[in-house]
């Protein structure tokens, strides 16, 4: 696979806990291609959980981004 040349990858997945956990294999695959650029946007209640996974560089709460 080709590296992403320092680009950041942002994965947006809001929903219930099970929905978010189901994307972990995908996040691990993305992290294996570009290990220092993976950001995720999740519901506020899952932000702390996502920060605990090694494959996630930074987690954001959707509410904090004020996209509404």
Protein backbone atom coordinates (compact mmCIF):
# COMPACT_ATOMS: atom_id res chain seq x y z
CA UNK A 1 0.00 0.00 0.00
CA UNK A 2 1.08 3.54 -0.64
CA UNK A 3 1.69 5.94 2.19
CA UNK A 4 -0.51 9.02 2.36
CA UNK A 5 2.43 11.46 2.35
CA UNK A 6 1.78 13.03 5.74
CA UNK A 7 -1.92 13.59 5.13
CA UNK A 8 -4.35 13.26 8.00
CA UNK A 9 -7.23 10.83 7.89
CA UNK A 10 -10.44 11.75 9.70
CA UNK A 11 -13.05 9.06 10.28
CA UNK A 12 -16.48 10.30 11.34
CA UNK A 13 -18.64 7.67 13.00
CA UNK A 14 -21.43 8.77 15.25
CA UNK A 15 -23.83 6.27 16.68
CA UNK A 16 -24.14 3.77 19.47
CA UNK A 17 -21.16 2.12 21.15
CA UNK A 18 -21.50 -1.09 19.13
CA UNK A 19 -21.48 0.86 15.86
CA UNK A 20 -18.29 2.63 16.84
CA UNK A 21 -16.55 -0.53 18.03
CA UNK A 22 -17.37 -2.28 14.75
CA UNK A 23 -15.03 0.12 12.90
CA UNK A 24 -11.98 -0.82 14.99
CA UNK A 25 -10.63 -3.28 12.39
CA UNK A 26 -10.95 -0.54 9.77
CA UNK A 27 -9.16 1.96 12.02
CA UNK A 28 -6.34 -0.54 12.64
CA UNK A 29 -5.94 -1.06 8.89
CA UNK A 30 -5.79 2.69 8.24
CA UNK A 31 -3.30 3.15 11.07
CA UNK A 32 -1.05 0.45 9.60
CA UNK A 33 -0.81 2.48 6.37
CA UNK A 34 -0.38 5.90 8.00
CA UNK A 35 0.47 5.45 11.68
CA UNK A 36 0.54 9.06 12.87
CA UNK A 37 -2.45 10.71 11.28
CA UNK A 38 -5.67 8.97 12.27
CA UNK A 39 -8.33 11.15 13.88
CA UNK A 40 -11.85 10.01 14.72
CA UNK A 41 -15.03 11.94 15.40
CA UNK A 42 -17.51 10.11 17.63
CA UNK A 43 -20.31 10.86 20.06
CA UNK A 44 -19.14 12.59 23.25
CA UNK A 45 -19.75 9.53 25.40
CA UNK A 46 -17.31 7.47 23.28
CA UNK A 47 -14.50 10.00 22.96
CA UNK A 48 -12.54 8.83 26.01
CA UNK A 49 -12.91 5.19 24.98
CA UNK A 50 -11.58 5.85 21.47
CA UNK A 51 -8.58 7.73 22.85
CA UNK A 52 -7.56 4.52 24.61
CA UNK A 53 -6.98 2.60 21.37
CA UNK A 54 -3.45 2.63 19.96
CA UNK A 55 -4.72 2.94 16.40
CA UNK A 56 -6.34 6.34 17.12
CA UNK A 57 -4.09 9.38 17.14
CA UNK A 58 -6.76 11.79 18.37
CA UNK A 59 -10.47 11.56 19.12
CA UNK A 60 -12.98 14.39 18.90
CA UNK A 61 -16.54 14.60 20.14
CA UNK A 62 -18.95 15.58 17.39
CA UNK A 63 -20.65 18.07 19.71
CA UNK A 64 -17.35 19.83 20.45
CA UNK A 65 -16.77 20.53 16.76
CA UNK A 66 -20.04 22.49 16.55
CA UNK A 67 -20.85 21.37 13.00
CA UNK A 68 -24.51 22.03 13.59
